[in-house]
Structures are given as structure tokens and as C-alpha cells.
Amino acid sequence: HFAVGGGWSEYSIDLDRYETGDYTARFNYEVSGLELYLK
């Protein structure tokens, strides 16, 4: 019922256009790294 784990993970966002009110936002965003967890 119990595990120890590890590895690599990544989240990425390529937002070409997001219109909010009078403004337009754009983002290129990436988060990646080594992880360690209990399960």
C-alpha cells in the first residue's frame, strides 16, 4: 500500500492570445524538473 517514486515532469503553456477587457496577454511558460514523491 505504499510506494516511493521519482522522475521528471514538465508543464508548458504557449498562449498566443488571451483577450481580457481592453488588453491582450501573451505568454510562453514552461516549468520542468526532477520530482520525488510518496504514493
Full PDB file with SEQRES, HELIX, SHEET, SSBOND, CRYST1, ORIGX, SCALE, CONECT and MASTER records, all heavy atoms in Angstrom:
SEQRES   1 A   39  HIS PHE ALA VAL GLY GLY GLY TRP SER GLU TYR SER ILE          
SEQRES   2 A   39  ASP LEU ASP ARG TYR GLU THR GLY ASP TYR THR ALA ARG          
SEQRES   3 A   39  PHE ASN TYR GLU VAL SER GLY LEU GLU LEU TYR LEU LYS          
SHEET    1 AA1 2 VAL A   4  THR A  20  0                                        
SHEET    2 AA1 2 TYR A  23  LEU A  38 -1                                        
CRYST1    1.000    1.000    1.000  90.00  90.00  90.00 P 1           1          
ORIGX1      1.000000  0.000000  0.000000        0.00000                         
ORIGX2      0.000000  1.000000  0.000000        0.00000                         
ORIGX3      0.000000  0.000000  1.000000        0.00000                         
SCALE1      1.000000  0.000000  0.000000        0.00000                         
SCALE2      0.000000  1.000000  0.000000        0.00000                         
SCALE3      0.000000  0.000000  1.000000        0.00000                         
ATOM      1  N   HIS A   1       0.794  -1.221   0.000  1.00  0.00           N  
ATOM      2  CA  HIS A   1       0.000   0.000   0.000  1.00  0.00           C  
ATOM      3  C   HIS A   1       0.833   1.282   0.000  1.00  0.00           C  
ATOM      4  O   HIS A   1       0.276   2.364   0.164  1.00  0.00           O  
ATOM      5  CB  HIS A   1      -0.924   0.019   1.226  1.00  0.00           C  
ATOM      6  CG  HIS A   1      -1.875  -1.136   1.274  1.00  0.00           C  
ATOM      7  ND1 HIS A   1      -2.983  -1.222   0.456  1.00  0.00           N  
ATOM      8  CD2 HIS A   1      -1.874  -2.271   2.040  1.00  0.00           C  
ATOM      9  CE1 HIS A   1      -3.635  -2.349   0.717  1.00  0.00           C  
ATOM     10  NE2 HIS A   1      -2.979  -2.990   1.669  1.00  0.00           N  
ATOM     11  N   PHE A   2       2.139   1.163  -0.225  1.00  0.00           N  
ATOM     12  CA  PHE A   2       2.984   2.344  -0.105  1.00  0.00           C  
ATOM     13  C   PHE A   2       4.118   2.270  -1.118  1.00  0.00           C  
ATOM     14  O   PHE A   2       4.756   1.228  -1.281  1.00  0.00           O  
ATOM     15  CB  PHE A   2       3.544   2.429   1.318  1.00  0.00           C  
ATOM     16  CG  PHE A   2       4.496   3.563   1.530  1.00  0.00           C  
ATOM     17  CD1 PHE A   2       4.033   4.853   1.741  1.00  0.00           C  
ATOM     18  CD2 PHE A   2       5.866   3.347   1.514  1.00  0.00           C  
ATOM     19  CE1 PHE A   2       4.913   5.893   1.936  1.00  0.00           C  
ATOM     20  CE2 PHE A   2       6.752   4.386   1.711  1.00  0.00           C  
ATOM     21  CZ  PHE A   2       6.274   5.675   1.922  1.00  0.00           C  
ATOM     22  N   ALA A   3       4.361   3.404  -1.812  1.00  0.00           N  
ATOM     23  CA  ALA A   3       5.423   3.452  -2.825  1.00  0.00           C  
ATOM     24  C   ALA A   3       6.245   4.720  -2.685  1.00  0.00           C  
ATOM     25  O   ALA A   3       5.776   5.745  -2.182  1.00  0.00           O  
ATOM     26  CB  ALA A   3       4.827   3.382  -4.227  1.00  0.00           C  
ATOM     27  N   VAL A   4       7.483   4.615  -3.166  1.00  0.00           N  
ATOM     28  CA  VAL A   4       8.365   5.760  -3.306  1.00  0.00           C  
ATOM     29  C   VAL A   4       8.670   5.900  -4.791  1.00  0.00           C  
ATOM     30  O   VAL A   4       8.974   4.908  -5.467  1.00  0.00           O  
ATOM     31  CB  VAL A   4       9.670   5.571  -2.513  1.00  0.00           C  
ATOM     32  CG1 VAL A   4      10.603   6.760  -2.734  1.00  0.00           C  
ATOM     33  CG2 VAL A   4       9.380   5.387  -1.039  1.00  0.00           C  
ATOM     34  N   GLY A   5       8.536   7.118  -5.320  1.00  0.00           N  
ATOM     35  CA  GLY A   5       8.748   7.307  -6.744  1.00  0.00           C  
ATOM     36  C   GLY A   5       9.561   8.545  -7.051  1.00  0.00           C  
ATOM     37  O   GLY A   5       9.743   9.426  -6.209  1.00  0.00           O  
ATOM     38  N   GLY A   6      10.058   8.582  -8.266  1.00  0.00           N  
ATOM     39  CA  GLY A   6      10.814   9.744  -8.723  1.00  0.00           C  
ATOM     40  C   GLY A   6      10.853   9.770 -10.237  1.00  0.00           C  
ATOM     41  O   GLY A   6      10.564   8.771 -10.901  1.00  0.00           O  
ATOM     42  N   GLY A   7      11.189  10.942 -10.778  1.00  0.00           N  
ATOM     43  CA  GLY A   7      11.259  11.064 -12.229  1.00  0.00           C  
ATOM     44  C   GLY A   7      11.372  12.499 -12.667  1.00  0.00           C  
ATOM     45  O   GLY A   7      11.900  13.354 -11.950  1.00  0.00           O  
ATOM     46  N   TRP A   8      10.873  12.758 -13.858  1.00  0.00           N  
ATOM     47  CA  TRP A   8      10.947  14.087 -14.474  1.00  0.00           C  
ATOM     48  C   TRP A   8       9.571  14.457 -14.993  1.00  0.00           C  
ATOM     49  O   TRP A   8       8.848  13.608 -15.547  1.00  0.00           O  
ATOM     50  CB  TRP A   8      11.947  14.054 -15.618  1.00  0.00           C  
ATOM     51  CG  TRP A   8      12.001  15.330 -16.433  1.00  0.00           C  
ATOM     52  CD1 TRP A   8      12.763  16.433 -16.203  1.00  0.00           C  
ATOM     53  CD2 TRP A   8      11.266  15.598 -17.628  1.00  0.00           C  
ATOM     54  NE1 TRP A   8      12.540  17.377 -17.179  1.00  0.00           N  
ATOM     55  CE2 TRP A   8      11.627  16.899 -18.061  1.00  0.00           C  
ATOM     56  CE3 TRP A   8      10.322  14.876 -18.363  1.00  0.00           C  
ATOM     57  CZ2 TRP A   8      11.085  17.477 -19.201  1.00  0.00           C  
ATOM     58  CZ3 TRP A   8       9.782  15.453 -19.500  1.00  0.00           C  
ATOM     59  CH2 TRP A   8      10.176  16.733 -19.908  1.00  0.00           C  
ATOM     60  N   SER A   9       9.164  15.725 -14.809  1.00  0.00           N  
ATOM     61  CA  SER A   9       7.867  16.193 -15.301  1.00  0.00           C  
ATOM     62  C   SER A   9       8.009  17.585 -15.881  1.00  0.00           C  
ATOM     63  O   SER A   9       8.943  18.329 -15.555  1.00  0.00           O  
ATOM     64  CB  SER A   9       6.820  16.192 -14.181  1.00  0.00           C  
ATOM     65  OG  SER A   9       7.192  17.091 -13.151  1.00  0.00           O  
ATOM     66  N   GLU A  10       7.044  17.956 -16.736  1.00  0.00           N  
ATOM     67  CA  GLU A  10       7.075  19.259 -17.396  1.00  0.00           C  
ATOM     68  C   GLU A  10       5.660  19.745 -17.665  1.00  0.00           C  
ATOM     69  O   GLU A  10       4.776  18.974 -18.052  1.00  0.00           O  
ATOM     70  CB  GLU A  10       7.834  19.166 -18.716  1.00  0.00           C  
ATOM     71  CG  GLU A  10       7.857  20.461 -19.516  1.00  0.00           C  
ATOM     72  CD  GLU A  10       8.513  20.300 -20.868  1.00  0.00           C  
ATOM     73  OE1 GLU A  10       9.746  20.416 -20.936  1.00  0.00           O  
ATOM     74  OE2 GLU A  10       7.791  20.040 -21.856  1.00  0.00           O  
ATOM     75  N   TYR A  11       5.449  21.033 -17.411  1.00  0.00           N  
ATOM     76  CA  TYR A  11       4.225  21.728 -17.795  1.00  0.00           C  
ATOM     77  C   TYR A  11       4.627  22.860 -18.740  1.00  0.00           C  
ATOM     78  O   TYR A  11       5.564  23.606 -18.447  1.00  0.00           O  
ATOM     79  CB  TYR A  11       3.511  22.335 -16.587  1.00  0.00           C  
ATOM     80  CG  TYR A  11       3.014  21.336 -15.566  1.00  0.00           C  
ATOM     81  CD1 TYR A  11       3.870  20.828 -14.598  1.00  0.00           C  
ATOM     82  CD2 TYR A  11       1.691  20.907 -15.573  1.00  0.00           C  
ATOM     83  CE1 TYR A  11       3.423  19.915 -13.664  1.00  0.00           C  
ATOM     84  CE2 TYR A  11       1.236  19.993 -14.643  1.00  0.00           C  
ATOM     85  CZ  TYR A  11       2.108  19.507 -13.683  1.00  0.00           C  
ATOM     86  OH  TYR A  11       1.658  18.606 -12.757  1.00  0.00           O  
ATOM     87  N   SER A  12       3.904  23.025 -19.845  1.00  0.00           N  
ATOM     88  CA  SER A  12       4.232  24.100 -20.775  1.00  0.00           C  
ATOM     89  C   SER A  12       2.948  24.742 -21.283  1.00  0.00           C  
ATOM     90  O   SER A  12       1.936  24.059 -21.513  1.00  0.00           O  
ATOM     91  CB  SER A  12       5.058  23.577 -21.950  1.00  0.00           C  
ATOM     92  OG  SER A  12       4.344  22.597 -22.675  1.00  0.00           O  
ATOM     93  N   ILE A  13       2.993  26.065 -21.445  1.00  0.00           N  
ATOM     94  CA  ILE A  13       1.875  26.832 -21.966  1.00  0.00           C  
ATOM     95  C   ILE A  13       2.388  27.725 -23.088  1.00  0.00           C  
ATOM     96  O   ILE A  13       3.375  28.439 -22.919  1.00  0.00           O  
ATOM     97  CB  ILE A  13       1.228  27.713 -20.878  1.00  0.00           C  
ATOM     98  CG1 ILE A  13       0.661  26.847 -19.749  1.00  0.00           C  
ATOM     99  CG2 ILE A  13       0.117  28.574 -21.472  1.00  0.00           C  
ATOM    100  CD1 ILE A  13       0.150  27.661 -18.585  1.00  0.00           C  
ATOM    101  N   ASP A  14       1.726  27.666 -24.226  1.00  0.00           N  
ATOM    102  CA  ASP A  14       2.027  28.553 -25.350  1.00  0.00           C  
ATOM    103  C   ASP A  14       0.750  29.325 -25.641  1.00  0.00           C  
ATOM    104  O   ASP A  14      -0.115  28.871 -26.394  1.00  0.00           O  
ATOM    105  CB  ASP A  14       2.476  27.737 -26.564  1.00  0.00           C  
ATOM    106  CG  ASP A  14       2.846  28.617 -27.745  1.00  0.00           C  
ATOM    107  OD1 ASP A  14       2.990  29.838 -27.545  1.00  0.00           O  
ATOM    108  OD2 ASP A  14       2.970  28.088 -28.861  1.00  0.00           O  
ATOM    109  N   LEU A  15       0.602  30.484 -25.003  1.00  0.00           N  
ATOM    110  CA  LEU A  15      -0.612  31.285 -25.117  1.00  0.00           C  
ATOM    111  C   LEU A  15      -0.371  32.407 -26.129  1.00  0.00           C  
ATOM    112  O   LEU A  15       0.259  33.413 -25.809  1.00  0.00           O  
ATOM    113  CB  LEU A  15      -0.996  31.857 -23.750  1.00  0.00           C  
ATOM    114  CG  LEU A  15      -2.350  32.568 -23.637  1.00  0.00           C  
ATOM    115  CD1 LEU A  15      -3.486  31.618 -23.999  1.00  0.00           C  
ATOM    116  CD2 LEU A  15      -2.545  33.119 -22.229  1.00  0.00           C  
ATOM    117  N   ASP A  16      -0.858  32.213 -27.357  1.00  0.00           N  
ATOM    118  CA  ASP A  16      -0.643  33.189 -28.417  1.00  0.00           C  
ATOM    119  C   ASP A  16      -1.509  34.436 -28.226  1.00  0.00           C  
ATOM    120  O   ASP A  16      -1.120  35.527 -28.638  1.00  0.00           O  
ATOM    121  CB  ASP A  16      -0.960  32.570 -29.781  1.00  0.00           C  
ATOM    122  CG  ASP A  16      -0.077  31.376 -30.085  1.00  0.00           C  
ATOM    123  OD1 ASP A  16       1.099  31.398 -29.686  1.00  0.00           O  
ATOM    124  OD2 ASP A  16      -0.565  30.411 -30.702  1.00  0.00           O  
ATOM    125  N   ARG A  17      -2.694  34.269 -27.616  1.00  0.00           N  
ATOM    126  CA  ARG A  17      -3.596  35.406 -27.442  1.00  0.00           C  
ATOM    127  C   ARG A  17      -4.622  35.098 -26.348  1.00  0.00           C  
ATOM    128  O   ARG A  17      -5.210  34.027 -26.331  1.00  0.00           O  
ATOM    129  CB  ARG A  17      -4.341  35.699 -28.742  1.00  0.00           C  
ATOM    130  CG  ARG A  17      -5.252  36.931 -28.677  1.00  0.00           C  
ATOM    131  CD  ARG A  17      -6.048  37.115 -29.961  1.00  0.00           C  
ATOM    132  NE  ARG A  17      -7.137  36.148 -30.096  1.00  0.00           N  
ATOM    133  CZ  ARG A  17      -7.157  35.150 -30.948  1.00  0.00           C  
ATOM    134  NH1 ARG A  17      -6.137  34.978 -31.770  1.00  0.00           N  
ATOM    135  NH2 ARG A  17      -8.176  34.310 -31.004  1.00  0.00           N  
ATOM    136  N   TYR A  18      -4.770  36.033 -25.425  1.00  0.00           N  
ATOM    137  CA  TYR A  18      -5.847  35.954 -24.448  1.00  0.00           C  
ATOM    138  C   TYR A  18      -6.385  37.370 -24.253  1.00  0.00           C  
ATOM    139  O   TYR A  18      -5.710  38.234 -23.690  1.00  0.00           O  
ATOM    140  CB  TYR A  18      -5.350  35.395 -23.107  1.00  0.00           C  
ATOM    141  CG  TYR A  18      -6.461  35.208 -22.093  1.00  0.00           C  
ATOM    142  CD1 TYR A  18      -7.106  33.985 -21.963  1.00  0.00           C  
ATOM    143  CD2 TYR A  18      -6.875  36.260 -21.279  1.00  0.00           C  
ATOM    144  CE1 TYR A  18      -8.132  33.806 -21.041  1.00  0.00           C  
ATOM    145  CE2 TYR A  18      -7.900  36.088 -20.359  1.00  0.00           C  
ATOM    146  CZ  TYR A  18      -8.519  34.862 -20.246  1.00  0.00           C  
ATOM    147  OH  TYR A  18      -9.539  34.696 -19.335  1.00  0.00           O  
ATOM    148  N   GLU A  19      -7.584  37.606 -24.758  1.00  0.00           N  
ATOM    149  CA  GLU A  19      -8.188  38.930 -24.688  1.00  0.00           C  
ATOM    150  C   GLU A  19      -8.983  39.061 -23.395  1.00  0.00           C  
ATOM    151  O   GLU A  19      -9.876  38.259 -23.120  1.00  0.00           O  
ATOM    152  CB  GLU A  19      -9.087  39.170 -25.894  1.00  0.00           C  
ATOM    153  CG  GLU A  19      -8.328  39.164 -27.217  1.00  0.00           C  
ATOM    154  CD  GLU A  19      -9.233  39.360 -28.416  1.00  0.00           C  
ATOM    155  OE1 GLU A  19     -10.443  39.585 -28.207  1.00  0.00           O  
ATOM    156  OE2 GLU A  19      -8.736  39.273 -29.555  1.00  0.00           O  
ATOM    157  N   THR A  20      -8.644  40.078 -22.599  1.00  0.00           N  
ATOM    158  CA  THR A  20      -9.324  40.325 -21.346  1.00  0.00           C  
ATOM    159  C   THR A  20      -9.597  41.823 -21.229  1.00  0.00           C  
ATOM    160  O   THR A  20      -8.679  42.615 -20.997  1.00  0.00           O  
ATOM    161  CB  THR A  20      -8.494  39.826 -20.143  1.00  0.00           C  
ATOM    162  OG1 THR A  20      -9.085  40.275 -18.937  1.00  0.00           O  
ATOM    163  CG2 THR A  20      -7.055  40.247 -20.210  1.00  0.00           C  
ATOM    164  N   GLY A  21     -10.853  42.203 -21.434  1.00  0.00           N  
ATOM    165  CA  GLY A  21     -11.194  43.616 -21.404  1.00  0.00           C  
ATOM    166  C   GLY A  21     -10.529  44.363 -22.543  1.00  0.00           C  
ATOM    167  O   GLY A  21     -10.596  43.966 -23.712  1.00  0.00           O  
ATOM    168  N   ASP A  22      -9.840  45.450 -22.212  1.00  0.00           N  
ATOM    169  CA  ASP A  22      -9.152  46.263 -23.225  1.00  0.00           C  
ATOM    170  C   ASP A  22      -7.749  45.754 -23.525  1.00  0.00           C  
ATOM    171  O   ASP A  22      -7.041  46.369 -24.334  1.00  0.00           O  
ATOM    172  CB  ASP A  22      -9.058  47.724 -22.749  1.00  0.00           C  
ATOM    173  CG  ASP A  22     -10.426  48.369 -22.609  1.00  0.00           C  
ATOM    174  OD1 ASP A  22     -11.341  47.985 -23.357  1.00  0.00           O  
ATOM    175  OD2 ASP A  22     -10.577  49.255 -21.737  1.00  0.00           O  
ATOM    176  N   TYR A  23      -7.341  44.661 -22.893  1.00  0.00           N  
ATOM    177  CA  TYR A  23      -5.964  44.200 -23.005  1.00  0.00           C  
ATOM    178  C   TYR A  23      -5.899  42.813 -23.650  1.00  0.00           C  
ATOM    179  O   TYR A  23      -6.832  42.015 -23.591  1.00  0.00           O  
ATOM    180  CB  TYR A  23      -5.307  44.145 -21.624  1.00  0.00           C  
ATOM    181  CG  TYR A  23      -5.247  45.481 -20.928  1.00  0.00           C  
ATOM    182  CD1 TYR A  23      -6.219  45.835 -19.996  1.00  0.00           C  
ATOM    183  CD2 TYR A  23      -4.231  46.392 -21.201  1.00  0.00           C  
ATOM    184  CE1 TYR A  23      -6.181  47.068 -19.350  1.00  0.00           C  
ATOM    185  CE2 TYR A  23      -4.174  47.619 -20.572  1.00  0.00           C  
ATOM    186  CZ  TYR A  23      -5.154  47.951 -19.644  1.00  0.00           C  
ATOM    187  OH  TYR A  23      -5.114  49.168 -19.028  1.00  0.00           O  
ATOM    188  N   THR A  24      -4.735  42.542 -24.240  1.00  0.00           N  
ATOM    189  CA  THR A  24      -4.423  41.219 -24.784  1.00  0.00           C  
ATOM    190  C   THR A  24      -3.116  40.738 -24.169  1.00  0.00           C  
ATOM    191  O   THR A  24      -2.104  41.435 -24.231  1.00  0.00           O  
ATOM    192  CB  THR A  24      -4.286  41.261 -26.313  1.00  0.00           C  
ATOM    193  OG1 THR A  24      -5.540  41.608 -26.893  1.00  0.00           O  
ATOM    194  CG2 THR A  24      -3.858  39.901 -26.852  1.00  0.00           C  
ATOM    195  N   ALA A  25      -3.164  39.563 -23.564  1.00  0.00           N  
ATOM    196  CA  ALA A  25      -1.986  38.977 -22.918  1.00  0.00           C  
ATOM    197  C   ALA A  25      -1.472  37.824 -23.767  1.00  0.00           C  
ATOM    198  O   ALA A  25      -2.246  37.106 -24.409  1.00  0.00           O  
ATOM    199  CB  ALA A  25      -2.326  38.493 -21.520  1.00  0.00           C  
ATOM    200  N   ARG A  26      -0.152  37.659 -23.739  1.00  0.00           N  
ATOM    201  CA  ARG A  26       0.503  36.531 -24.410  1.00  0.00           C  
ATOM    202  C   ARG A  26       1.585  35.987 -23.471  1.00  0.00           C  
ATOM    203  O   ARG A  26       2.310  36.753 -22.833  1.00  0.00           O  
ATOM    204  CB  ARG A  26       1.140  36.957 -25.737  1.00  0.00           C  
ATOM    205  CG  ARG A  26       0.177  37.492 -26.771  1.00  0.00           C  
ATOM    206  CD  ARG A  26       0.878  37.772 -28.082  1.00  0.00           C  
ATOM    207  NE  ARG A  26       1.905  38.785 -27.940  1.00  0.00           N  
ATOM    208  CZ  ARG A  26       2.942  38.932 -28.762  1.00  0.00           C  
ATOM    209  NH1 ARG A  26       3.109  38.090 -29.775  1.00  0.00           N  
ATOM    210  NH2 ARG A  26       3.822  39.887 -28.581  1.00  0.00           N  
ATOM    211  N   PHE A  27       1.693  34.654 -23.415  1.00  0.00           N  
ATOM    212  CA  PHE A  27       2.694  34.043 -22.535  1.00  0.00           C  
ATOM    213  C   PHE A  27       3.277  32.794 -23.185  1.00  0.00           C  
ATOM    214  O   PHE A  27       2.567  32.022 -23.837  1.00  0.00           O  
ATOM    215  CB  PHE A  27       2.077  33.636 -21.182  1.00  0.00           C  
ATOM    216  CG  PHE A  27       1.754  34.790 -20.283  1.00  0.00           C  
ATOM    217  CD1 PHE A  27       0.449  35.239 -20.164  1.00  0.00           C  
ATOM    218  CD2 PHE A  27       2.757  35.421 -19.562  1.00  0.00           C  
ATOM    219  CE1 PHE A  27       0.144  36.299 -19.331  1.00  0.00           C  
ATOM    220  CE2 PHE A  27       2.456  36.488 -18.724  1.00  0.00           C  
ATOM    221  CZ  PHE A  27       1.148  36.931 -18.616  1.00  0.00           C  
ATOM    222  N   ASN A  28       4.578  32.612 -23.010  1.00  0.00           N  
ATOM    223  CA  ASN A  28       5.259  31.338 -23.233  1.00  0.00           C  
ATOM    224  C   ASN A  28       5.839  30.923 -21.883  1.00  0.00           C  
ATOM    225  O   ASN A  28       6.713  31.620 -21.351  1.00  0.00           O  
ATOM    226  CB  ASN A  28       6.375  31.469 -24.273  1.00  0.00           C  
ATOM    227  CG  ASN A  28       5.836  31.692 -25.672  1.00  0.00           C  
ATOM    228  OD1 ASN A  28       4.794  31.151 -26.026  1.00  0.00           O  
ATOM    229  ND2 ASN A  28       6.519  32.484 -26.468  1.00  0.00           N  
ATOM    230  N   TYR A  29       5.367  29.812 -21.364  1.00  0.00           N  
ATOM    231  CA  TYR A  29       5.650  29.476 -19.963  1.00  0.00           C  
ATOM    232  C   TYR A  29       5.972  27.999 -19.872  1.00  0.00           C  
ATOM    233  O   TYR A  29       5.241  27.156 -20.393  1.00  0.00           O  
ATOM    234  CB  TYR A  29       4.422  29.823 -19.132  1.00  0.00           C  
ATOM    235  CG  TYR A  29       4.530  29.552 -17.651  1.00  0.00           C  
ATOM    236  CD1 TYR A  29       5.594  30.019 -16.908  1.00  0.00           C  
ATOM    237  CD2 TYR A  29       3.530  28.838 -16.995  1.00  0.00           C  
ATOM    238  CE1 TYR A  29       5.666  29.789 -15.544  1.00  0.00           C  
ATOM    239  CE2 TYR A  29       3.587  28.599 -15.642  1.00  0.00           C  
ATOM    240  CZ  TYR A  29       4.657  29.076 -14.922  1.00  0.00           C  
ATOM    241  OH  TYR A  29       4.734  28.837 -13.567  1.00  0.00           O  
ATOM    242  N   GLU A  30       7.094  27.674 -19.203  1.00  0.00           N  
ATOM    243  CA  GLU A  30       7.495  26.273 -19.061  1.00  0.00           C  
ATOM    244  C   GLU A  30       8.056  26.036 -17.664  1.00  0.00           C  
ATOM    245  O   GLU A  30       8.853  26.821 -17.162  1.00  0.00           O  
ATOM    246  CB  GLU A  30       8.537  25.907 -20.111  1.00  0.00           C  
ATOM    247  CG  GLU A  30       8.965  24.447 -20.072  1.00  0.00           C  
ATOM    248  CD  GLU A  30       9.930  24.099 -21.186  1.00  0.00           C  
ATOM    249  OE1 GLU A  30       9.546  24.231 -22.363  1.00  0.00           O  
ATOM    250  OE2 GLU A  30      11.078  23.713 -20.865  1.00  0.00           O  
ATOM    251  N   VAL A  31       7.591  24.955 -17.057  1.00  0.00           N  
ATOM    252  CA  VAL A  31       8.071  24.520 -15.741  1.00  0.00           C  
ATOM    253  C   VAL A  31       8.483  23.058 -15.868  1.00  0.00           C  
ATOM    254  O   VAL A  31       7.687  22.223 -16.298  1.00  0.00           O  
ATOM    255  CB  VAL A  31       6.989  24.652 -14.654  1.00  0.00           C  
ATOM    256  CG1 VAL A  31       7.567  24.307 -13.290  1.00  0.00           C  
ATOM    257  CG2 VAL A  31       6.386  26.043 -14.642  1.00  0.00           C  
ATOM    258  N   SER A  32       9.711  22.725 -15.524  1.00  0.00           N  
ATOM    259  CA  SER A  32      10.160  21.344 -15.626  1.00  0.00           C  
ATOM    260  C   SER A  32      11.181  21.065 -14.536  1.00  0.00           C  
ATOM    261  O   SER A  32      11.860  21.978 -14.050  1.00  0.00           O  
ATOM    262  CB  SER A  32      10.765  21.062 -17.008  1.00  0.00           C  
ATOM    263  OG  SER A  32      11.886  21.899 -17.234  1.00  0.00           O  
ATOM    264  N   GLY A  33      11.283  19.795 -14.142  1.00  0.00           N  
ATOM    265  CA  GLY A  33      12.265  19.451 -13.125  1.00  0.00           C  
ATOM    266  C   GLY A  33      12.148  18.019 -12.642  1.00  0.00           C  
ATOM    267  O   GLY A  33      11.264  17.259 -13.050  1.00  0.00           O  
ATOM    268  N   LEU A  34      13.069  17.659 -11.765  1.00  0.00           N  
ATOM    269  CA  LEU A  34      13.092  16.335 -11.154  1.00  0.00           C  
ATOM    270  C   LEU A  34      12.144  16.304  -9.974  1.00  0.00           C  
ATOM    271  O   LEU A  34      12.054  17.260  -9.202  1.00  0.00           O  
ATOM    272  CB  LEU A  34      14.507  15.985 -10.708  1.00  0.00           C  
ATOM    273  CG  LEU A  34      15.560  15.894 -11.818  1.00  0.00           C  
ATOM    274  CD1 LEU A  34      16.938  15.650 -11.221  1.00  0.00           C  
ATOM    275  CD2 LEU A  34      15.201  14.790 -12.801  1.00  0.00           C  
ATOM    276  N   GLU A  35      11.437  15.207  -9.817  1.00  0.00           N  
ATOM    277  CA  GLU A  35      10.451  15.099  -8.751  1.00  0.00           C  
ATOM    278  C   GLU A  35      10.697  13.855  -7.900  1.00  0.00           C  
ATOM    279  O   GLU A  35      11.280  12.865  -8.359  1.00  0.00           O  
ATOM    280  CB  GLU A  35       9.037  15.069  -9.310  1.00  0.00           C  
ATOM    281  CG  GLU A  35       8.749  13.891 -10.233  1.00  0.00           C  
ATOM    282  CD  GLU A  35       7.316  13.911 -10.740  1.00  0.00           C  
ATOM    283  OE1 GLU A  35       6.894  14.948 -11.290  1.00  0.00           O  
ATOM    284  OE2 GLU A  35       6.625  12.882 -10.579  1.00  0.00           O  
ATOM    285  N   LEU A  36      10.242  13.920  -6.666  1.00  0.00           N  
ATOM    286  CA  LEU A  36      10.289  12.800  -5.719  1.00  0.00           C  
ATOM    287  C   LEU A  36       8.968  12.791  -4.970  1.00  0.00           C  
ATOM    288  O   LEU A  36       8.507  13.840  -4.514  1.00  0.00           O  
ATOM    289  CB  LEU A  36      11.461  12.974  -4.737  1.00  0.00           C  
ATOM    290  CG  LEU A  36      11.678  11.842  -3.724  1.00  0.00           C  
ATOM    291  CD1 LEU A  36      12.086  10.558  -4.444  1.00  0.00           C  
ATOM    292  CD2 LEU A  36      12.738  12.239  -2.701  1.00  0.00           C  
ATOM    293  N   TYR A  37       8.344  11.616  -4.839  1.00  0.00           N  
ATOM    294  CA  TYR A  37       7.005  11.578  -4.242  1.00  0.00           C  
ATOM    295  C   TYR A  37       6.762  10.284  -3.478  1.00  0.00           C  
ATOM    296  O   TYR A  37       7.473   9.284  -3.650  1.00  0.00           O  
ATOM    297  CB  TYR A  37       5.933  11.749  -5.325  1.00  0.00           C  
ATOM    298  CG  TYR A  37       5.964  10.722  -6.418  1.00  0.00           C  
ATOM    299  CD1 TYR A  37       5.258   9.517  -6.321  1.00  0.00           C  
ATOM    300  CD2 TYR A  37       6.695  10.948  -7.595  1.00  0.00           C  
ATOM    301  CE1 TYR A  37       5.271   8.583  -7.342  1.00  0.00           C  
ATOM    302  CE2 TYR A  37       6.714  10.027  -8.616  1.00  0.00           C  
ATOM    303  CZ  TYR A  37       6.004   8.846  -8.493  1.00  0.00           C  
ATOM    304  OH  TYR A  37       6.024   7.906  -9.495  1.00  0.00           O  
ATOM    305  N   LEU A  38       5.739  10.329  -2.642  1.00  0.00           N  
ATOM    306  CA  LEU A  38       5.220   9.172  -1.909  1.00  0.00           C  
ATOM    307  C   LEU A  38       3.830   8.855  -2.438  1.00  0.00           C  
ATOM    308  O   LEU A  38       3.064   9.759  -2.774  1.00  0.00           O  
ATOM    309  CB  LEU A  38       5.161   9.466  -0.403  1.00  0.00           C  
ATOM    310  CG  LEU A  38       6.474   9.885   0.262  1.00  0.00           C  
ATOM    311  CD1 LEU A  38       6.242  10.195   1.728  1.00  0.00           C  
ATOM    312  CD2 LEU A  38       7.529   8.808   0.098  1.00  0.00           C  
ATOM    313  N   LYS A  39       3.501   7.560  -2.487  1.00  0.00           N  
ATOM    314  CA  LYS A  39       2.239   7.152  -3.094  1.00  0.00           C  
ATOM    315  C   LYS A  39       1.548   6.108  -2.239  1.00  0.00           C  
ATOM    316  O   LYS A  39       2.191   5.220  -1.677  1.00  0.00           O  
ATOM    317  CB  LYS A  39       2.513   6.562  -4.488  1.00  0.00           C  
ATOM    318  CG  LYS A  39       1.290   6.356  -5.355  1.00  0.00           C  
ATOM    319  CD  LYS A  39       1.734   6.074  -6.780  1.00  0.00           C  
ATOM    320  CE  LYS A  39       0.582   6.140  -7.755  1.00  0.00           C  
ATOM    321  NZ  LYS A  39       1.035   6.037  -9.164  1.00  0.00           N  
TER     322      LYS A  39                                                      
MASTER        0    0    0    0    2    0    0    6  321    1    0    3          
END                                                                             
